[in-house]
Amino acid sequence: CEFDFEVRALPDYDAQEVADDLRAYADAELLPRMQAVQPDTDIRFQPLSAYPGLATSPDSEAARLLALLSGSTEFGTVAFGTEGGLFERAGIPTVVCGPGSMDQGHKPDEFVSLEQLQRCDAMLARLVEHLTTV
């Protein structure tokens, strides 16, 4: 049996430690039961990718700017990966934002409404105005 997996961890969690725990569980609990039925079975894990998680503080300068531009202070952590953690690790203040809702995204029939796109366009226009006055 072969599993492809991706562990998406926040910066405070060690993704390798989670992967090691999964492997230990498979070796101790699952594999013996499988081999009791079919002795030549095995479990192999193949990591697909690895990148650091992102947990931007709502008090950061980047988050405060986003709140100003978007008119919202609703910040949270989501269970999907981005390259944001790589930028943050490189010293680039980072927030991830965009139109739509994760309630609607990354699933069958995902969509972004016209109203959500219009709000995004308005935020980007405010960003352009902010950058031309700084």
N, C-alpha and C. Protein backbone atom coordinates (compact mmCIF):
# COMPACT_ATOMS: atom_id res chain seq x y z
N CYS A 1 0.86 -1.16 0.00
CA CYS A 1 0.00 0.00 0.00
C CYS A 1 0.90 1.23 0.00
N GLU A 2 0.62 2.20 -0.84
CA GLU A 2 1.43 3.41 -0.90
C GLU A 2 0.53 4.62 -0.72
N PHE A 3 0.97 5.55 0.13
CA PHE A 3 0.21 6.76 0.40
C PHE A 3 1.02 7.97 -0.02
N ASP A 4 0.43 8.85 -0.80
CA ASP A 4 1.00 10.17 -1.04
C ASP A 4 0.37 11.07 0.01
N PHE A 5 1.18 11.90 0.63
CA PHE A 5 0.62 12.75 1.67
C PHE A 5 1.31 14.11 1.68
N GLU A 6 0.59 15.05 2.23
CA GLU A 6 1.13 16.39 2.43
C GLU A 6 0.67 16.84 3.80
N VAL A 7 1.61 17.22 4.64
CA VAL A 7 1.30 17.73 5.96
C VAL A 7 1.38 19.24 5.89
N ARG A 8 0.29 19.89 6.16
CA ARG A 8 0.25 21.36 6.15
C ARG A 8 0.24 21.82 7.60
N ALA A 9 1.33 22.36 8.03
CA ALA A 9 1.49 22.72 9.44
C ALA A 9 1.69 24.22 9.60
N LEU A 10 1.21 24.74 10.71
CA LEU A 10 1.48 26.13 11.06
C LEU A 10 2.93 26.24 11.52
N PRO A 11 3.46 27.47 11.57
CA PRO A 11 4.87 27.63 11.93
C PRO A 11 5.26 27.00 13.26
N ASP A 12 4.34 26.93 14.22
CA ASP A 12 4.67 26.37 15.53
C ASP A 12 4.69 24.85 15.55
N TYR A 13 4.30 24.21 14.45
CA TYR A 13 4.25 22.75 14.39
C TYR A 13 5.30 22.26 13.41
N ASP A 14 5.90 21.15 13.75
CA ASP A 14 6.92 20.55 12.91
C ASP A 14 6.26 19.51 12.01
N ALA A 15 6.17 19.81 10.72
CA ALA A 15 5.52 18.91 9.77
C ALA A 15 6.20 17.55 9.74
N GLN A 16 7.52 17.53 9.88
CA GLN A 16 8.24 16.25 9.88
C GLN A 16 7.86 15.41 11.09
N GLU A 17 7.65 16.07 12.22
CA GLU A 17 7.24 15.34 13.43
C GLU A 17 5.86 14.70 13.22
N VAL A 18 4.95 15.43 12.57
CA VAL A 18 3.63 14.87 12.27
C VAL A 18 3.77 13.68 11.32
N ALA A 19 4.59 13.81 10.29
CA ALA A 19 4.82 12.72 9.34
C ALA A 19 5.44 11.52 10.06
N ASP A 20 6.38 11.77 10.97
CA ASP A 20 7.01 10.68 11.72
C ASP A 20 5.99 9.97 12.60
N ASP A 21 5.08 10.74 13.22
CA ASP A 21 4.03 10.14 14.04
C ASP A 21 3.10 9.27 13.20
N LEU A 22 2.77 9.73 11.99
CA LEU A 22 1.94 8.93 11.09
C LEU A 22 2.65 7.63 10.73
N ARG A 23 3.92 7.74 10.43
CA ARG A 23 4.69 6.56 10.08
C ARG A 23 4.76 5.57 11.24
N ALA A 24 5.01 6.07 12.45
CA ALA A 24 5.08 5.21 13.64
C ALA A 24 3.74 4.50 13.87
N TYR A 25 2.64 5.23 13.70
CA TYR A 25 1.32 4.62 13.86
C TYR A 25 1.11 3.52 12.81
N ALA A 26 1.44 3.81 11.58
CA ALA A 26 1.28 2.82 10.51
C ALA A 26 2.11 1.58 10.80
N ASP A 27 3.35 1.78 11.23
CA ASP A 27 4.24 0.65 11.51
C ASP A 27 3.76 -0.18 12.71
N ALA A 28 3.29 0.50 13.76
CA ALA A 28 2.93 -0.20 14.99
C ALA A 28 1.51 -0.77 14.96
N GLU A 29 0.59 -0.08 14.33
CA GLU A 29 -0.81 -0.48 14.40
C GLU A 29 -1.35 -1.11 13.12
N LEU A 30 -1.10 -0.48 11.99
CA LEU A 30 -1.71 -0.93 10.75
C LEU A 30 -0.96 -2.07 10.08
N LEU A 31 0.34 -1.92 9.97
CA LEU A 31 1.13 -2.91 9.24
C LEU A 31 1.04 -4.32 9.83
N PRO A 32 1.12 -4.48 11.15
CA PRO A 32 0.99 -5.84 11.70
C PRO A 32 -0.36 -6.49 11.34
N ARG A 33 -1.43 -5.71 11.36
CA ARG A 33 -2.74 -6.26 11.01
C ARG A 33 -2.81 -6.62 9.53
N MET A 34 -2.20 -5.78 8.70
CA MET A 34 -2.18 -6.08 7.27
C MET A 34 -1.37 -7.36 7.00
N GLN A 35 -0.21 -7.46 7.65
CA GLN A 35 0.67 -8.61 7.41
C GLN A 35 0.10 -9.89 8.01
N ALA A 36 -0.80 -9.78 8.97
CA ALA A 36 -1.47 -10.97 9.49
C ALA A 36 -2.37 -11.59 8.43
N VAL A 37 -2.88 -10.74 7.52
CA VAL A 37 -3.73 -11.22 6.43
C VAL A 37 -2.89 -11.59 5.22
N GLN A 38 -1.92 -10.74 4.89
CA GLN A 38 -1.06 -10.95 3.72
C GLN A 38 0.37 -10.59 4.12
N PRO A 39 1.24 -11.57 4.40
CA PRO A 39 2.57 -11.31 4.95
C PRO A 39 3.47 -10.39 4.13
N ASP A 40 3.32 -10.34 2.83
CA ASP A 40 4.24 -9.53 2.02
C ASP A 40 3.74 -8.10 1.78
N THR A 41 2.77 -7.65 2.56
CA THR A 41 2.30 -6.27 2.41
C THR A 41 3.24 -5.30 3.10
N ASP A 42 3.15 -4.05 2.70
CA ASP A 42 3.99 -3.00 3.26
C ASP A 42 3.24 -1.68 3.14
N ILE A 43 3.67 -0.70 3.87
CA ILE A 43 3.14 0.66 3.76
C ILE A 43 4.31 1.56 3.46
N ARG A 44 4.21 2.33 2.40
CA ARG A 44 5.25 3.29 2.04
C ARG A 44 4.64 4.68 2.01
N PHE A 45 5.38 5.64 2.48
CA PHE A 45 4.95 7.04 2.47
C PHE A 45 5.82 7.80 1.49
N GLN A 46 5.19 8.66 0.72
CA GLN A 46 5.91 9.48 -0.26
C GLN A 46 5.48 10.94 -0.09
N PRO A 47 6.34 11.76 0.49
CA PRO A 47 5.97 13.18 0.63
C PRO A 47 5.84 13.84 -0.75
N LEU A 48 4.84 14.69 -0.89
CA LEU A 48 4.61 15.38 -2.16
C LEU A 48 5.30 16.74 -2.21
N SER A 49 5.28 17.45 -1.12
CA SER A 49 5.91 18.77 -1.09
C SER A 49 6.12 19.16 0.37
N ALA A 50 6.89 20.21 0.56
CA ALA A 50 7.12 20.73 1.91
C ALA A 50 7.39 22.22 1.82
N TYR A 51 6.71 22.96 2.66
CA TYR A 51 6.96 24.39 2.76
C TYR A 51 6.45 24.85 4.12
N PRO A 52 7.00 25.95 4.63
CA PRO A 52 6.61 26.40 5.97
C PRO A 52 5.20 26.96 5.99
N GLY A 53 4.56 26.81 7.12
CA GLY A 53 3.23 27.40 7.31
C GLY A 53 3.33 28.91 7.51
N LEU A 54 2.19 29.55 7.47
CA LEU A 54 2.13 31.01 7.64
C LEU A 54 1.11 31.32 8.72
N ALA A 55 1.49 32.10 9.69
CA ALA A 55 0.59 32.55 10.74
C ALA A 55 0.88 34.02 11.03
N THR A 56 0.41 34.88 10.15
CA THR A 56 0.64 36.32 10.29
C THR A 56 -0.17 36.86 11.47
N SER A 57 0.46 37.63 12.30
CA SER A 57 -0.23 38.24 13.43
C SER A 57 -1.21 39.31 12.94
N PRO A 58 -2.42 39.33 13.48
CA PRO A 58 -3.37 40.40 13.12
C PRO A 58 -2.86 41.79 13.48
N ASP A 59 -1.86 41.85 14.35
CA ASP A 59 -1.27 43.14 14.74
C ASP A 59 -0.11 43.56 13.85
N SER A 60 0.26 42.73 12.88
CA SER A 60 1.40 43.06 12.02
C SER A 60 1.04 44.22 11.10
N GLU A 61 2.06 44.88 10.61
CA GLU A 61 1.85 46.01 9.70
C GLU A 61 1.11 45.57 8.43
N ALA A 62 1.47 44.40 7.91
CA ALA A 62 0.81 43.90 6.70
C ALA A 62 -0.67 43.64 6.97
N ALA A 63 -1.00 43.06 8.12
CA ALA A 63 -2.39 42.77 8.45
C ALA A 63 -3.17 44.07 8.68
N ARG A 64 -2.55 45.04 9.32
CA ARG A 64 -3.23 46.33 9.54
C ARG A 64 -3.50 47.03 8.22
N LEU A 65 -2.56 46.96 7.28
CA LEU A 65 -2.77 47.56 5.97
C LEU A 65 -3.91 46.86 5.24
N LEU A 66 -3.94 45.54 5.30
CA LEU A 66 -5.02 44.79 4.66
C LEU A 66 -6.37 45.15 5.28
N ALA A 67 -6.41 45.30 6.60
CA ALA A 67 -7.66 45.69 7.27
C ALA A 67 -8.12 47.07 6.78
N LEU A 68 -7.18 47.99 6.64
CA LEU A 68 -7.50 49.33 6.15
C LEU A 68 -8.06 49.26 4.73
N LEU A 69 -7.41 48.49 3.88
CA LEU A 69 -7.82 48.42 2.48
C LEU A 69 -9.12 47.65 2.27
N SER A 70 -9.32 46.62 3.06
CA SER A 70 -10.49 45.78 2.86
C SER A 70 -11.70 46.20 3.69
N GLY A 71 -11.44 46.98 4.74
CA GLY A 71 -12.53 47.37 5.62
C GLY A 71 -12.94 46.24 6.56
N SER A 72 -12.07 45.26 6.75
CA SER A 72 -12.39 44.13 7.61
C SER A 72 -11.20 43.77 8.47
N THR A 73 -11.47 43.42 9.71
CA THR A 73 -10.41 42.95 10.60
C THR A 73 -10.57 41.47 10.90
N GLU A 74 -11.33 40.78 10.08
CA GLU A 74 -11.52 39.34 10.26
C GLU A 74 -10.32 38.59 9.67
N PHE A 75 -9.47 38.09 10.55
CA PHE A 75 -8.30 37.32 10.13
C PHE A 75 -8.42 35.93 10.72
N GLY A 76 -7.88 34.98 10.05
CA GLY A 76 -7.90 33.63 10.55
C GLY A 76 -6.86 32.78 9.86
N THR A 77 -6.80 31.55 10.30
CA THR A 77 -5.89 30.57 9.71
C THR A 77 -6.73 29.56 8.96
N VAL A 78 -6.27 29.16 7.81
CA VAL A 78 -7.01 28.19 7.01
C VAL A 78 -6.17 26.94 6.80
N ALA A 79 -6.85 25.87 6.47
CA ALA A 79 -6.18 24.58 6.33
C ALA A 79 -5.80 24.30 4.88
N PHE A 80 -5.15 25.25 4.26
CA PHE A 80 -4.59 25.01 2.93
C PHE A 80 -3.23 25.68 2.87
N GLY A 81 -2.42 25.22 1.98
CA GLY A 81 -1.06 25.73 1.90
C GLY A 81 -0.91 26.82 0.85
N THR A 82 0.01 27.71 1.11
CA THR A 82 0.39 28.74 0.14
C THR A 82 1.90 28.92 0.22
N GLU A 83 2.42 29.70 -0.69
CA GLU A 83 3.83 30.05 -0.63
C GLU A 83 4.08 31.16 0.37
N GLY A 84 3.03 31.64 1.03
CA GLY A 84 3.16 32.74 1.98
C GLY A 84 4.20 32.49 3.05
N GLY A 85 4.29 31.26 3.54
CA GLY A 85 5.28 30.94 4.57
C GLY A 85 6.70 31.10 4.06
N LEU A 86 6.92 30.84 2.78
CA LEU A 86 8.26 31.03 2.19
C LEU A 86 8.62 32.51 2.16
N PHE A 87 7.66 33.37 1.78
CA PHE A 87 7.91 34.81 1.75
C PHE A 87 8.18 35.33 3.17
N GLU A 88 7.35 34.89 4.12
CA GLU A 88 7.52 35.32 5.51
C GLU A 88 8.89 34.90 6.03
N ARG A 89 9.29 33.67 5.74
CA ARG A 89 10.60 33.17 6.19
C ARG A 89 11.73 33.98 5.56
N ALA A 90 11.51 34.53 4.37
CA ALA A 90 12.53 35.33 3.69
C ALA A 90 12.53 36.78 4.18
N GLY A 91 11.65 37.09 5.14
CA GLY A 91 11.62 38.43 5.71
C GLY A 91 10.67 39.38 5.02
N ILE A 92 9.79 38.87 4.17
CA ILE A 92 8.81 39.69 3.47
C ILE A 92 7.49 39.60 4.22
N PRO A 93 7.01 40.71 4.80
CA PRO A 93 5.73 40.66 5.52
C PRO A 93 4.64 40.13 4.57
N THR A 94 3.84 39.17 5.05
CA THR A 94 2.95 38.46 4.16
C THR A 94 1.57 38.27 4.76
N VAL A 95 0.56 38.53 3.97
CA VAL A 95 -0.81 38.13 4.25
C VAL A 95 -1.36 37.48 2.98
N VAL A 96 -2.30 36.61 3.13
CA VAL A 96 -2.93 35.95 1.99
C VAL A 96 -4.39 36.39 1.99
N CYS A 97 -4.83 36.95 0.89
CA CYS A 97 -6.22 37.38 0.80
C CYS A 97 -6.69 37.24 -0.64
N GLY A 98 -7.98 37.29 -0.79
CA GLY A 98 -8.54 37.22 -2.13
C GLY A 98 -10.05 37.10 -2.06
N PRO A 99 -10.67 37.19 -3.20
CA PRO A 99 -12.13 37.10 -3.21
C PRO A 99 -12.59 35.67 -2.95
N GLY A 100 -13.80 35.54 -2.48
CA GLY A 100 -14.37 34.22 -2.29
C GLY A 100 -14.30 33.78 -0.85
N SER A 101 -14.76 32.59 -0.63
CA SER A 101 -14.80 32.00 0.70
C SER A 101 -14.31 30.57 0.61
N MET A 102 -13.59 30.13 1.62
CA MET A 102 -13.14 28.75 1.62
C MET A 102 -14.30 27.78 1.80
N ASP A 103 -15.47 28.30 2.21
CA ASP A 103 -16.67 27.46 2.24
C ASP A 103 -17.07 27.06 0.81
N GLN A 104 -16.64 27.85 -0.17
CA GLN A 104 -17.01 27.62 -1.57
C GLN A 104 -15.83 27.12 -2.40
N GLY A 105 -14.62 27.25 -1.89
CA GLY A 105 -13.44 26.95 -2.69
C GLY A 105 -12.87 25.56 -2.47
N HIS A 106 -12.09 25.13 -3.43
CA HIS A 106 -11.37 23.86 -3.38
C HIS A 106 -12.29 22.66 -3.15
N LYS A 107 -13.41 22.68 -3.85
CA LYS A 107 -14.36 21.57 -3.80
C LYS A 107 -15.16 21.57 -5.09
N PRO A 108 -15.90 20.51 -5.36
CA PRO A 108 -16.70 20.50 -6.60
C PRO A 108 -17.61 21.72 -6.66
N ASP A 109 -17.76 22.25 -7.84
CA ASP A 109 -18.63 23.41 -8.08
C ASP A 109 -18.19 24.66 -7.33
N GLU A 110 -16.87 24.80 -7.10
CA GLU A 110 -16.39 26.00 -6.41
C GLU A 110 -16.72 27.23 -7.25
N PHE A 111 -16.84 28.38 -6.59
CA PHE A 111 -17.19 29.59 -7.31
C PHE A 111 -16.78 30.82 -6.51
N VAL A 112 -16.69 31.93 -7.20
CA VAL A 112 -16.51 33.25 -6.61
C VAL A 112 -17.64 34.10 -7.19
N SER A 113 -18.41 34.74 -6.32
CA SER A 113 -19.56 35.51 -6.79
C SER A 113 -19.10 36.84 -7.40
N LEU A 114 -19.94 37.41 -8.21
CA LEU A 114 -19.66 38.71 -8.83
C LEU A 114 -19.48 39.77 -7.75
N GLU A 115 -20.29 39.73 -6.71
CA GLU A 115 -20.18 40.70 -5.62
C GLU A 115 -18.83 40.58 -4.92
N GLN A 116 -18.33 39.35 -4.73
CA GLN A 116 -17.03 39.14 -4.10
C GLN A 116 -15.91 39.69 -4.98
N LEU A 117 -16.04 39.51 -6.30
CA LEU A 117 -15.05 40.06 -7.23
C LEU A 117 -15.07 41.59 -7.22
N GLN A 118 -16.25 42.17 -7.13
CA GLN A 118 -16.37 43.63 -7.09
C GLN A 118 -15.73 44.18 -5.82
N ARG A 119 -15.93 43.52 -4.69
CA ARG A 119 -15.30 43.95 -3.43
C ARG A 119 -13.78 43.84 -3.54
N CYS A 120 -13.29 42.80 -4.21
CA CYS A 120 -11.85 42.63 -4.40
C CYS A 120 -11.30 43.76 -5.29
N ASP A 121 -12.02 44.06 -6.38
CA ASP A 121 -11.60 45.16 -7.26
C ASP A 121 -11.52 46.48 -6.49
N ALA A 122 -12.50 46.73 -5.62
CA ALA A 122 -12.51 47.97 -4.84
C ALA A 122 -11.31 48.00 -3.88
N MET A 123 -10.99 46.87 -3.27
CA MET A 123 -9.83 46.81 -2.38
C MET A 123 -8.54 47.07 -3.16
N LEU A 124 -8.43 46.49 -4.34
CA LEU A 124 -7.22 46.71 -5.15
C LEU A 124 -7.12 48.18 -5.58
N ALA A 125 -8.24 48.81 -5.88
CA ALA A 125 -8.22 50.24 -6.22
C ALA A 125 -7.74 51.06 -5.03
N ARG A 126 -8.19 50.69 -3.82
CA ARG A 126 -7.71 51.39 -2.62
C ARG A 126 -6.22 51.16 -2.42
N LEU A 127 -5.73 49.96 -2.75
CA LEU A 127 -4.31 49.67 -2.65
C LEU A 127 -3.51 50.57 -3.60
N VAL A 128 -3.96 50.68 -4.84
CA VAL A 128 -3.27 51.55 -5.81
C VAL A 128 -3.26 52.98 -5.29
N GLU A 129 -4.38 53.46 -4.79
CA GLU A 129 -4.44 54.83 -4.25
C GLU A 129 -3.48 54.98 -3.08
N HIS A 130 -3.45 54.00 -2.19
CA HIS A 130 -2.54 54.04 -1.04
C HIS A 130 -1.08 54.09 -1.48
N LEU A 131 -0.73 53.27 -2.46
CA LEU A 131 0.66 53.21 -2.91
C LEU A 131 1.08 54.48 -3.64
N THR A 132 0.16 55.16 -4.28
CA THR A 132 0.52 56.40 -4.98
C THR A 132 0.60 57.59 -4.05
N THR A 133 0.11 57.44 -2.80
CA THR A 133 0.19 58.54 -1.86
C THR A 133 1.25 58.33 -0.79
N VAL A 134 1.88 57.17 -0.79
CA VAL A 134 2.90 56.88 0.24
C VAL A 134 4.23 57.48 -0.16
